[in-house]
PDB file of N, CA and C in Angstrom:
ATOM      1  N   UNK A   1     -10.624 -10.811  10.817  1.00  0.00           N
ATOM      2  CA  UNK A   1      -9.754 -10.588   9.694  1.00  0.00           C
ATOM      3  C   UNK A   1      -8.993 -11.872   9.361  1.00  0.00           C
ATOM      4  N   UNK A   2      -8.559 -12.577  10.368  1.00  0.00           N
ATOM      5  CA  UNK A   2      -7.803 -13.802  10.149  1.00  0.00           C
ATOM      6  C   UNK A   2      -8.580 -14.865   9.405  1.00  0.00           C
ATOM      7  N   UNK A   3      -9.840 -15.046   9.771  1.00  0.00           N
ATOM      8  CA  UNK A   3     -10.664 -16.046   9.088  1.00  0.00           C
ATOM      9  C   UNK A   3     -10.806 -15.726   7.614  1.00  0.00           C
ATOM     10  N   UNK A   4     -11.055 -14.472   7.334  1.00  0.00           N
ATOM     11  CA  UNK A   4     -11.242 -14.063   5.937  1.00  0.00           C
ATOM     12  C   UNK A   4      -9.974 -14.283   5.111  1.00  0.00           C
ATOM     13  N   UNK A   5      -8.816 -14.100   5.728  1.00  0.00           N
ATOM     14  CA  UNK A   5      -7.542 -14.290   5.030  1.00  0.00           C
ATOM     15  C   UNK A   5      -6.982 -15.699   5.191  1.00  0.00           C
ATOM     16  N   UNK A   6      -7.675 -16.530   5.945  1.00  0.00           N
ATOM     17  CA  UNK A   6      -7.267 -17.916   6.206  1.00  0.00           C
ATOM     18  C   UNK A   6      -5.913 -17.987   6.916  1.00  0.00           C
ATOM     19  N   UNK A   7      -5.726 -17.101   7.904  1.00  0.00           N
ATOM     20  CA  UNK A   7      -4.545 -17.128   8.758  1.00  0.00           C
ATOM     21  C   UNK A   7      -5.006 -17.041  10.208  1.00  0.00           C
ATOM     22  N   UNK A   8      -4.122 -17.390  11.112  1.00  0.00           N
ATOM     23  CA  UNK A   8      -4.492 -17.358  12.525  1.00  0.00           C
ATOM     24  C   UNK A   8      -4.568 -15.931  13.040  1.00  0.00           C
ATOM     25  N   UNK A   9      -5.298 -15.755  14.121  1.00  0.00           N
ATOM     26  CA  UNK A   9      -5.401 -14.426  14.729  1.00  0.00           C
ATOM     27  C   UNK A   9      -4.030 -13.981  15.234  1.00  0.00           C
ATOM     28  N   UNK A  10      -3.202 -14.922  15.625  1.00  0.00           N
ATOM     29  CA  UNK A  10      -1.838 -14.602  16.076  1.00  0.00           C
ATOM     30  C   UNK A  10      -1.023 -13.978  14.931  1.00  0.00           C
ATOM     31  N   UNK A  11      -1.181 -14.545  13.722  1.00  0.00           N
ATOM     32  CA  UNK A  11      -0.483 -14.009  12.554  1.00  0.00           C
ATOM     33  C   UNK A  11      -0.939 -12.585  12.267  1.00  0.00           C
ATOM     34  N   UNK A  12      -2.244 -12.352  12.328  1.00  0.00           N
ATOM     35  CA  UNK A  12      -2.781 -11.006  12.111  1.00  0.00           C
ATOM     36  C   UNK A  12      -2.203 -10.054  13.149  1.00  0.00           C
ATOM     37  N   UNK A  13      -2.219 -10.446  14.413  1.00  0.00           N
ATOM     38  CA  UNK A  13      -1.678  -9.601  15.483  1.00  0.00           C
ATOM     39  C   UNK A  13      -0.202  -9.288  15.260  1.00  0.00           C
ATOM     40  N   UNK A  14       0.567 -10.304  14.850  1.00  0.00           N
ATOM     41  CA  UNK A  14       1.996 -10.091  14.598  1.00  0.00           C
ATOM     42  C   UNK A  14       2.227  -9.085  13.479  1.00  0.00           C
ATOM     43  N   UNK A  15       1.471  -9.204  12.398  1.00  0.00           N
ATOM     44  CA  UNK A  15       1.628  -8.269  11.275  1.00  0.00           C
ATOM     45  C   UNK A  15       1.189  -6.863  11.658  1.00  0.00           C
ATOM     46  N   UNK A  16       0.094  -6.751  12.397  1.00  0.00           N
ATOM     47  CA  UNK A  16      -0.356  -5.432  12.834  1.00  0.00           C
ATOM     48  C   UNK A  16       0.655  -4.796  13.792  1.00  0.00           C
ATOM     49  N   UNK A  17       1.222  -5.597  14.668  1.00  0.00           N
ATOM     50  CA  UNK A  17       2.237  -5.085  15.598  1.00  0.00           C
ATOM     51  C   UNK A  17       3.452  -4.579  14.821  1.00  0.00           C
ATOM     52  N   UNK A  18       3.882  -5.335  13.808  1.00  0.00           N
ATOM     53  CA  UNK A  18       5.027  -4.921  12.993  1.00  0.00           C
ATOM     54  C   UNK A  18       4.723  -3.634  12.232  1.00  0.00           C
ATOM     55  N   UNK A  19       3.511  -3.520  11.707  1.00  0.00           N
ATOM     56  CA  UNK A  19       3.121  -2.306  10.983  1.00  0.00           C
ATOM     57  C   UNK A  19       3.135  -1.100  11.913  1.00  0.00           C
ATOM     58  N   UNK A  20       2.612  -1.271  13.108  1.00  0.00           N
ATOM     59  CA  UNK A  20       2.605  -0.169  14.075  1.00  0.00           C
ATOM     60  C   UNK A  20       4.027   0.257  14.430  1.00  0.00           C
ATOM     61  N   UNK A  21       4.926  -0.702  14.601  1.00  0.00           N
ATOM     62  CA  UNK A  21       6.324  -0.370  14.898  1.00  0.00           C
ATOM     63  C   UNK A  21       6.937   0.445  13.773  1.00  0.00           C
ATOM     64  N   UNK A  22       6.702   0.049  12.538  1.00  0.00           N
ATOM     65  CA  UNK A  22       7.265   0.767  11.390  1.00  0.00           C
ATOM     66  C   UNK A  22       6.707   2.174  11.271  1.00  0.00           C
ATOM     67  N   UNK A  23       5.440   2.336  11.634  1.00  0.00           N
ATOM     68  CA  UNK A  23       4.815   3.653  11.549  1.00  0.00           C
ATOM     69  C   UNK A  23       5.152   4.531  12.749  1.00  0.00           C
ATOM     70  N   UNK A  24       5.676   3.919  13.799  1.00  0.00           N
ATOM     71  CA  UNK A  24       6.002   4.679  14.999  1.00  0.00           C
ATOM     72  C   UNK A  24       4.785   5.012  15.840  1.00  0.00           C
ATOM     73  N   UNK A  25       3.787   4.127  15.804  1.00  0.00           N
ATOM     74  CA  UNK A  25       2.572   4.328  16.595  1.00  0.00           C
ATOM     75  C   UNK A  25       2.412   3.159  17.557  1.00  0.00           C
ATOM     76  N   UNK A  26       1.557   3.351  18.562  1.00  0.00           N
ATOM     77  CA  UNK A  26       1.380   2.317  19.581  1.00  0.00           C
ATOM     78  C   UNK A  26       0.104   1.506  19.426  1.00  0.00           C
ATOM     79  N   UNK A  27      -0.921   2.104  18.822  1.00  0.00           N
ATOM     80  CA  UNK A  27      -2.213   1.427  18.746  1.00  0.00           C
ATOM     81  C   UNK A  27      -2.733   1.408  17.321  1.00  0.00           C
ATOM     82  N   UNK A  28      -3.731   0.563  17.084  1.00  0.00           N
ATOM     83  CA  UNK A  28      -4.374   0.502  15.772  1.00  0.00           C
ATOM     84  C   UNK A  28      -5.080   1.816  15.451  1.00  0.00           C
ATOM     85  N   UNK A  29      -5.632   2.440  16.478  1.00  0.00           N
ATOM     86  CA  UNK A  29      -6.303   3.732  16.282  1.00  0.00           C
ATOM     87  C   UNK A  29      -5.284   4.764  15.806  1.00  0.00           C
ATOM     88  N   UNK A  30      -4.113   4.780  16.402  1.00  0.00           N
ATOM     89  CA  UNK A  30      -3.070   5.703  15.963  1.00  0.00           C
ATOM     90  C   UNK A  30      -2.618   5.381  14.542  1.00  0.00           C
ATOM     91  N   UNK A  31      -2.594   4.099  14.183  1.00  0.00           N
ATOM     92  CA  UNK A  31      -2.212   3.698  12.825  1.00  0.00           C
ATOM     93  C   UNK A  31      -3.226   4.221  11.810  1.00  0.00           C
ATOM     94  N   UNK A  32      -4.504   4.137  12.144  1.00  0.00           N
ATOM     95  CA  UNK A  32      -5.541   4.659  11.252  1.00  0.00           C
ATOM     96  C   UNK A  32      -5.420   6.176  11.144  1.00  0.00           C
ATOM     97  N   UNK A  33      -5.169   6.843  12.261  1.00  0.00           N
ATOM     98  CA  UNK A  33      -4.999   8.297  12.240  1.00  0.00           C
ATOM     99  C   UNK A  33      -3.798   8.670  11.372  1.00  0.00           C
ATOM    100  N   UNK A  34      -2.716   7.902  11.451  1.00  0.00           N
ATOM    101  CA  UNK A  34      -1.531   8.140  10.622  1.00  0.00           C
ATOM    102  C   UNK A  34      -1.894   8.007   9.146  1.00  0.00           C
ATOM    103  N   UNK A  35      -2.661   6.970   8.805  1.00  0.00           N
ATOM    104  CA  UNK A  35      -3.084   6.747   7.417  1.00  0.00           C
ATOM    105  C   UNK A  35      -3.925   7.906   6.899  1.00  0.00           C
ATOM    106  N   UNK A  36      -4.901   8.340   7.697  1.00  0.00           N
ATOM    107  CA  UNK A  36      -5.775   9.435   7.288  1.00  0.00           C
ATOM    108  C   UNK A  36      -4.969  10.713   7.106  1.00  0.00           C
ATOM    109  N   UNK A  37      -4.101  11.013   8.051  1.00  0.00           N
ATOM    110  CA  UNK A  37      -3.289  12.231   7.992  1.00  0.00           C
ATOM    111  C   UNK A  37      -2.334  12.196   6.791  1.00  0.00           C
ATOM    112  N   UNK A  38      -1.672  11.072   6.577  1.00  0.00           N
ATOM    113  CA  UNK A  38      -0.712  10.947   5.491  1.00  0.00           C
ATOM    114  C   UNK A  38      -1.393  11.026   4.136  1.00  0.00           C
ATOM    115  N   UNK A  39      -2.540  10.383   4.005  1.00  0.00           N
ATOM    116  CA  UNK A  39      -3.271  10.402   2.744  1.00  0.00           C
ATOM    117  C   UNK A  39      -3.796  11.800   2.459  1.00  0.00           C
ATOM    118  N   UNK A  40      -4.300  12.470   3.483  1.00  0.00           N
ATOM    119  CA  UNK A  40      -4.803  13.834   3.304  1.00  0.00           C
ATOM    120  C   UNK A  40      -3.666  14.770   2.913  1.00  0.00           C
ATOM    121  N   UNK A  41      -2.499  14.601   3.537  1.00  0.00           N
ATOM    122  CA  UNK A  41      -1.342  15.442   3.216  1.00  0.00           C
ATOM    123  C   UNK A  41      -0.895  15.242   1.773  1.00  0.00           C
ATOM    124  N   UNK A  42      -1.059  14.019   1.249  1.00  0.00           N
ATOM    125  CA  UNK A  42      -0.648  13.721  -0.120  1.00  0.00           C
ATOM    126  C   UNK A  42      -1.677  14.205  -1.136  1.00  0.00           C
ATOM    127  N   UNK A  43      -2.871  14.574  -0.662  1.00  0.00           N
ATOM    128  CA  UNK A  43      -3.896  15.089  -1.546  1.00  0.00           C
ATOM    129  C   UNK A  43      -4.683  14.027  -2.284  1.00  0.00           C
ATOM    130  N   UNK A  44      -4.486  12.776  -1.919  1.00  0.00           N
ATOM    131  CA  UNK A  44      -5.190  11.700  -2.608  1.00  0.00           C
ATOM    132  C   UNK A  44      -6.387  11.227  -1.815  1.00  0.00           C
ATOM    133  N   UNK A  45      -7.222  10.410  -2.458  1.00  0.00           N
ATOM    134  CA  UNK A  45      -8.383   9.868  -1.744  1.00  0.00           C
ATOM    135  C   UNK A  45      -7.938   8.814  -0.744  1.00  0.00           C
ATOM    136  N   UNK A  46      -8.618   8.717   0.379  1.00  0.00           N
ATOM    137  CA  UNK A  46      -8.266   7.729   1.388  1.00  0.00           C
ATOM    138  C   UNK A  46      -8.470   6.320   0.856  1.00  0.00           C
ATOM    139  N   UNK A  47      -9.592   6.097   0.185  1.00  0.00           N
ATOM    140  CA  UNK A  47      -9.889   4.805  -0.400  1.00  0.00           C
ATOM    141  C   UNK A  47     -10.209   5.018  -1.870  1.00  0.00           C
ATOM    142  N   UNK A  48      -9.201   4.916  -2.750  1.00  0.00           N
ATOM    143  CA  UNK A  48      -9.452   5.182  -4.161  1.00  0.00           C
ATOM    144  C   UNK A  48     -10.429   4.183  -4.761  1.00  0.00           C
ATOM    145  N   UNK A  49     -11.191   4.648  -5.720  1.00  0.00           N
ATOM    146  CA  UNK A  49     -12.110   3.760  -6.425  1.00  0.00           C
ATOM    147  C   UNK A  49     -11.323   2.966  -7.452  1.00  0.00           C
ATOM    148  N   UNK A  50     -11.917   1.918  -7.986  1.00  0.00           N
ATOM    149  CA  UNK A  50     -11.231   1.044  -8.934  1.00  0.00           C
ATOM    150  C   UNK A  50     -10.703   1.823 -10.133  1.00  0.00           C
ATOM    151  N   UNK A  51     -11.415   2.838 -10.579  1.00  0.00           N
ATOM    152  CA  UNK A  51     -10.986   3.613 -11.740  1.00  0.00           C
ATOM    153  C   UNK A  51      -9.909   4.629 -11.451  1.00  0.00           C
ATOM    154  N   UNK A  52      -9.560   4.824 -10.176  1.00  0.00           N
ATOM    155  CA  UNK A  52      -8.572   5.844  -9.833  1.00  0.00           C
ATOM    156  C   UNK A  52      -7.392   5.271  -9.063  1.00  0.00           C
ATOM    157  N   UNK A  53      -7.072   4.008  -9.316  1.00  0.00           N
ATOM    158  CA  UNK A  53      -5.936   3.394  -8.625  1.00  0.00           C
ATOM    159  C   UNK A  53      -4.637   4.086  -8.993  1.00  0.00           C
ATOM    160  N   UNK A  54      -3.832   4.326  -8.003  1.00  0.00           N
ATOM    161  CA  UNK A  54      -2.575   5.028  -8.210  1.00  0.00           C
ATOM    162  C   UNK A  54      -1.417   4.051  -8.202  1.00  0.00           C
ATOM    163  N   UNK A  55      -0.343   4.417  -8.892  1.00  0.00           N
ATOM    164  CA  UNK A  55       0.877   3.619  -8.921  1.00  0.00           C
ATOM    165  C   UNK A  55       1.781   3.951  -7.737  1.00  0.00           C
ATOM    166  N   UNK A  56       1.389   4.889  -6.895  1.00  0.00           N
ATOM    167  CA  UNK A  56       2.206   5.288  -5.761  1.00  0.00           C
ATOM    168  C   UNK A  56       3.074   6.489  -6.070  1.00  0.00           C
ATOM    169  N   UNK A  57       3.194   6.835  -7.362  1.00  0.00           N
ATOM    170  CA  UNK A  57       4.011   7.975  -7.750  1.00  0.00           C
ATOM    171  C   UNK A  57       3.161   9.130  -8.269  1.00  0.00           C
ATOM    172  N   UNK A  58       1.844   9.031  -8.037  1.00  0.00           N
ATOM    173  CA  UNK A  58       0.944  10.071  -8.487  1.00  0.00           C
ATOM    174  C   UNK A  58       0.318   9.784  -9.840  1.00  0.00           C
ATOM    175  N   UNK A  59       0.878   8.806 -10.561  1.00  0.00           N
ATOM    176  CA  UNK A  59       0.297   8.472 -11.863  1.00  0.00           C
ATOM    177  C   UNK A  59      -0.785   7.429 -11.696  1.00  0.00           C
ATOM    178  N   UNK A  60      -1.692   7.398 -12.651  1.00  0.00           N
ATOM    179  CA  UNK A  60      -2.782   6.419 -12.582  1.00  0.00           C
ATOM    180  C   UNK A  60      -2.313   5.084 -13.144  1.00  0.00           C
ATOM    181  N   UNK A  61      -2.972   4.023 -12.680  1.00  0.00           N
ATOM    182  CA  UNK A  61      -2.642   2.685 -13.168  1.00  0.00           C
ATOM    183  C   UNK A  61      -3.021   2.558 -14.631  1.00  0.00           C
ATOM    184  N   UNK A  62      -2.213   1.852 -15.344  1.00  0.00           N
ATOM    185  CA  UNK A  62      -2.523   1.597 -16.747  1.00  0.00           C
ATOM    186  C   UNK A  62      -3.441   0.407 -16.833  1.00  0.00           C
ATOM    187  N   UNK A  63      -4.443   0.452 -17.752  1.00  0.00           N
ATOM    188  CA  UNK A  63      -5.384  -0.683 -17.872  1.00  0.00           C
ATOM    189  C   UNK A  63      -4.705  -1.938 -18.357  1.00  0.00           C
TER     190      UNK A  63
END
């Protein structure tokens, strides 16, 4: 992931660690489970297609 984003692996690890702390999870697997559960609870697609991007408030993105 770091190579693709042109950052060090340490930077990636630091950001992932911070994200896990904010979500209240210990592992990346738990973070993914949190994402799947939260997205399913919201009724939205886990990975929206380009035509169905959301603004975060349930409305669709304006072209």
